[in-house]
Amino acid sequence: MESKEQKKARVIKIIATLKKTHPDAKLALDFTNPLELLISLILAAQCRDDLVNTVTPALFKKYKTAADYAKANPATLQEEIHKISFFRVKTKSIIKATTFLVENFGGKVPDKLDQLLEVPAVGRKTANVLLGNAFGIPGIGVDRHVARVSGRLGLTKNEDPDKIEADLTPIVPIKDQIKFCHLLQYHGRRICVARIPKCPECSINSLCLYPNKTKPV
């Protein structure tokens, strides 16, 4: 069994290696302020980030403030995001979230975890991604890539995102927590893919507890 200190040491090596493997790793969603990121994250649920990025430029040009979204015509907003999966549900989520911001936070996206979790449509993953990428506040945002790759690496045995976050937070250096998530996301898209991971091509194969998931051809 690997001790907590041994696991922390392995994580440091994983991060160092993945920084070289994926030097371009960053949040895949395009945004310029916390509100834009919040809207993008709501749209990105069960939807590809690159598709979200094709919809948001026109959206961000039209809707500048939380109040603009809150008073939007639902039918119009639905049409503007109709390319996105579950666009009707997401229209309601956007209007509810921004209305809450207007009524409770002066239209601003808060930079505190407990306050973010009060906002409709914001769970811990969304809150941590917001804090990290919009405010530079460390945290672990667990999406499907972070969950899958951290599990295969043996950094967690849990499947629940909140429990995975609890497992990763104490073993990932605070200064690297935001970058760590980006690195696992890129590695999950490019190498440690869901169906058949490309283990023979993996730069952290020697640091993985799942090194024989696939065999060289």
Protein backbone atom coordinates (compact mmCIF):
# COMPACT_ATOMS: atom_id res chain seq x y z
CA MET A 1 0.00 0.00 0.00
CA GLU A 2 1.21 3.44 -0.91
CA SER A 3 1.46 5.92 1.96
CA LYS A 4 0.09 9.45 1.68
CA GLU A 5 3.65 10.83 1.49
CA GLN A 6 4.60 8.36 -1.23
CA LYS A 7 1.48 9.28 -3.17
CA LYS A 8 2.28 13.00 -2.84
CA ALA A 9 5.81 12.34 -4.12
CA ARG A 10 4.42 10.42 -7.09
CA VAL A 11 1.96 13.22 -7.86
CA ILE A 12 4.82 15.74 -7.98
CA LYS A 13 6.61 13.54 -10.54
CA ILE A 14 3.38 13.10 -12.53
CA ILE A 15 2.86 16.86 -12.68
CA ALA A 16 6.45 17.55 -13.72
CA THR A 17 6.25 14.97 -16.52
CA LEU A 18 2.84 16.04 -17.79
CA LYS A 19 3.95 19.68 -17.94
CA LYS A 20 6.52 18.57 -20.50
CA THR A 21 4.07 16.30 -22.29
CA HIS A 22 1.30 18.90 -22.52
CA PRO A 23 2.94 22.34 -22.36
CA ASP A 24 -0.19 23.86 -23.90
CA ALA A 25 -2.53 22.54 -21.20
CA LYS A 26 -5.08 25.12 -20.11
CA LEU A 27 -8.80 25.47 -19.58
CA ALA A 28 -10.40 24.69 -22.94
CA LEU A 29 -13.24 27.20 -22.53
CA ASP A 30 -12.78 30.74 -23.86
CA PHE A 31 -13.70 33.58 -21.50
CA THR A 32 -12.52 37.01 -20.37
CA ASN A 33 -14.24 37.42 -17.00
CA PRO A 34 -15.90 35.35 -14.23
CA LEU A 35 -19.43 35.80 -15.60
CA GLU A 36 -18.42 34.56 -19.04
CA LEU A 37 -16.76 31.53 -17.47
CA LEU A 38 -19.87 30.77 -15.42
CA ILE A 39 -22.03 30.85 -18.54
CA SER A 40 -19.54 28.67 -20.43
CA LEU A 41 -19.44 26.12 -17.63
CA ILE A 42 -23.23 25.87 -17.53
CA LEU A 43 -23.26 25.31 -21.29
CA ALA A 44 -20.39 22.81 -21.13
CA ALA A 45 -22.21 20.28 -18.97
CA GLN A 46 -22.39 17.07 -21.05
CA CYS A 47 -21.20 19.04 -24.07
CA ARG A 48 -17.82 19.46 -25.79
CA ASP A 49 -15.86 22.56 -24.84
CA ASP A 50 -14.98 23.29 -28.47
CA LEU A 51 -18.68 23.39 -29.39
CA VAL A 52 -19.38 25.74 -26.48
CA ASN A 53 -16.63 28.03 -27.79
CA THR A 54 -18.44 28.36 -31.12
CA VAL A 55 -21.59 29.62 -29.41
CA THR A 56 -20.26 31.95 -26.71
CA PRO A 57 -18.63 34.74 -28.79
CA ALA A 58 -22.00 36.02 -30.05
CA LEU A 59 -23.53 35.41 -26.63
CA PHE A 60 -20.84 37.40 -24.80
CA LYS A 61 -21.11 40.23 -27.31
CA LYS A 62 -24.85 40.59 -26.68
CA TYR A 63 -25.09 39.84 -22.95
CA LYS A 64 -22.57 41.89 -20.98
CA THR A 65 -23.91 41.61 -17.44
CA ALA A 66 -25.75 39.14 -15.22
CA ALA A 67 -28.78 41.43 -15.47
CA ASP A 68 -28.73 41.09 -19.27
CA TYR A 69 -29.06 37.30 -18.96
CA ALA A 70 -31.57 37.52 -16.12
CA LYS A 71 -33.99 39.58 -18.20
CA ALA A 72 -33.38 37.68 -21.44
CA ASN A 73 -36.32 36.32 -23.38
CA PRO A 74 -36.12 32.54 -22.79
CA ALA A 75 -37.21 31.68 -26.34
CA THR A 76 -34.57 33.98 -27.80
CA LEU A 77 -31.83 32.63 -25.54
CA GLN A 78 -32.83 29.06 -26.41
CA GLU A 79 -32.43 29.84 -30.09
CA GLU A 80 -29.04 31.43 -29.47
CA ILE A 81 -27.71 28.31 -27.74
CA HIS A 82 -29.69 25.65 -29.63
CA LYS A 83 -26.50 23.93 -30.86
CA ILE A 84 -25.72 23.01 -27.27
CA SER A 85 -27.08 19.80 -25.76
CA PHE A 86 -30.01 20.26 -23.35
CA PHE A 87 -30.29 23.89 -24.48
CA ARG A 88 -33.76 24.32 -22.98
CA VAL A 89 -32.65 23.19 -19.53
CA LYS A 90 -29.50 25.26 -19.79
CA THR A 91 -31.48 28.34 -20.76
CA LYS A 92 -33.44 28.01 -17.52
CA SER A 93 -30.20 27.41 -15.56
CA ILE A 94 -28.54 30.51 -16.99
CA ILE A 95 -31.53 32.72 -16.20
CA LYS A 96 -31.90 31.28 -12.68
CA ALA A 97 -28.19 31.62 -11.91
CA THR A 98 -27.87 35.17 -13.18
CA THR A 99 -31.11 36.26 -11.50
CA PHE A 100 -29.68 34.92 -8.23
CA LEU A 101 -26.45 36.87 -8.82
CA VAL A 102 -28.40 40.07 -9.43
CA GLU A 103 -30.58 39.61 -6.37
CA ASN A 104 -27.89 38.45 -3.95
CA PHE A 105 -24.45 39.56 -5.15
CA GLY A 106 -25.07 42.76 -7.07
CA GLY A 107 -24.71 40.93 -10.35
CA LYS A 108 -21.15 39.82 -9.57
CA VAL A 109 -19.84 36.26 -9.51
CA PRO A 110 -18.59 35.72 -5.92
CA ASP A 111 -15.05 34.52 -5.25
CA LYS A 112 -15.91 32.42 -2.18
CA LEU A 113 -16.70 28.70 -2.42
CA ASP A 114 -19.62 28.75 0.01
CA GLN A 115 -21.22 31.67 -1.82
CA LEU A 116 -20.75 30.08 -5.24
CA LEU A 117 -22.43 26.91 -4.04
CA GLU A 118 -25.54 28.95 -3.26
CA VAL A 119 -25.91 29.88 -6.93
CA PRO A 120 -28.37 27.70 -8.89
CA ALA A 121 -26.63 25.35 -11.39
CA VAL A 122 -23.30 25.65 -9.55
CA GLY A 123 -21.89 22.52 -7.95
CA ARG A 124 -18.46 21.94 -6.45
CA LYS A 125 -16.81 21.19 -9.79
CA THR A 126 -18.11 24.37 -11.40
CA ALA A 127 -17.27 26.39 -8.29
CA ASN A 128 -13.69 25.09 -8.14
CA VAL A 129 -13.12 25.64 -11.86
CA LEU A 130 -14.45 29.18 -11.48
CA LEU A 131 -12.31 29.94 -8.45
CA GLY A 132 -9.19 28.54 -10.05
CA ASN A 133 -9.47 29.93 -13.54
CA ALA A 134 -11.29 33.21 -12.98
CA PHE A 135 -9.82 34.18 -9.59
CA GLY A 136 -6.60 32.16 -9.31
CA ILE A 137 -7.76 30.44 -6.14
CA PRO A 138 -6.40 26.84 -5.88
CA GLY A 139 -8.81 23.94 -5.94
CA ILE A 140 -9.57 20.65 -7.66
CA GLY A 141 -12.36 20.71 -10.23
CA VAL A 142 -13.32 17.10 -11.00
CA ASP A 143 -14.64 16.60 -14.52
CA ARG A 144 -14.84 13.24 -16.30
CA HIS A 145 -11.19 13.38 -17.42
CA VAL A 146 -9.84 14.23 -13.97
CA ALA A 147 -11.99 11.47 -12.47
CA ARG A 148 -10.92 8.84 -15.00
CA VAL A 149 -7.20 9.59 -15.09
CA SER A 150 -6.80 10.04 -11.34
CA GLY A 151 -8.58 6.72 -10.85
CA ARG A 152 -6.35 4.89 -13.29
CA LEU A 153 -3.30 6.45 -11.67
CA GLY A 154 -4.42 5.04 -8.35
CA LEU A 155 -4.82 8.46 -6.74
CA THR A 156 -8.42 7.71 -5.79
CA LYS A 157 -10.72 4.71 -5.60
CA ASN A 158 -13.86 6.81 -5.53
CA GLU A 159 -16.25 7.60 -8.37
CA ASP A 160 -18.19 10.41 -6.72
CA PRO A 161 -16.66 13.76 -7.82
CA ASP A 162 -16.83 15.28 -4.34
CA LYS A 163 -15.02 12.28 -2.83
CA ILE A 164 -12.42 12.37 -5.61
CA GLU A 165 -11.84 16.05 -4.84
CA ALA A 166 -11.36 15.16 -1.17
CA ASP A 167 -8.82 12.46 -2.11
CA LEU A 168 -6.82 14.69 -4.46
CA THR A 169 -6.77 17.95 -2.51
CA PRO A 170 -4.30 16.82 0.21
CA ILE A 171 -1.88 15.11 -2.20
CA VAL A 172 -1.66 17.73 -4.95
CA PRO A 173 0.54 20.73 -4.04
CA ILE A 174 -1.61 23.82 -3.60
CA LYS A 175 0.43 25.81 -6.11
CA ASP A 176 -0.19 23.15 -8.78
CA GLN A 177 -3.85 22.31 -8.18
CA ILE A 178 -5.26 24.43 -11.00
CA LYS A 179 -2.62 23.25 -13.48
CA PHE A 180 -2.98 19.63 -12.31
CA CYS A 181 -6.60 19.59 -13.47
CA HIS A 182 -5.67 21.03 -16.86
CA LEU A 183 -2.92 18.45 -17.28
CA LEU A 184 -5.22 15.53 -16.47
CA GLN A 185 -7.86 16.91 -18.81
CA TYR A 186 -5.40 17.12 -21.72
CA HIS A 187 -3.90 13.73 -20.91
CA GLY A 188 -7.40 12.27 -20.72
CA ARG A 189 -8.30 13.65 -24.14
CA ARG A 190 -5.05 12.75 -25.88
CA ILE A 191 -3.59 9.65 -24.23
CA CYS A 192 -5.59 8.22 -21.32
CA VAL A 193 -8.78 8.11 -23.37
CA ALA A 194 -11.91 6.43 -22.08
CA ARG A 195 -12.27 3.29 -24.19
CA ILE A 196 -8.72 2.19 -25.03
CA PRO A 197 -6.01 4.25 -23.30
CA LYS A 198 -2.78 4.63 -25.27
CA CYS A 199 -0.55 3.20 -22.55
CA PRO A 200 2.44 2.45 -24.84
CA GLU A 201 2.55 6.18 -25.72
CA CYS A 202 2.05 7.40 -22.14
CA SER A 203 4.81 9.55 -20.65
CA ILE A 204 3.75 8.67 -17.10
CA ASN A 205 3.39 4.94 -17.67
CA SER A 206 6.09 4.21 -15.11
CA LEU A 207 4.21 6.29 -12.53
CA CYS A 208 0.88 4.59 -13.18
CA LEU A 209 -0.69 1.73 -11.26
CA TYR A 210 -2.47 0.71 -14.47
CA PRO A 211 0.56 0.35 -16.83
CA ASN A 212 -0.70 -2.77 -18.58
CA LYS A 213 -4.15 -1.56 -19.48
CA THR A 214 -3.14 -1.88 -23.13
CA LYS A 215 -0.22 -3.65 -24.75
CA PRO A 216 2.10 -2.50 -27.55
CA VAL A 217 1.08 -3.87 -30.93
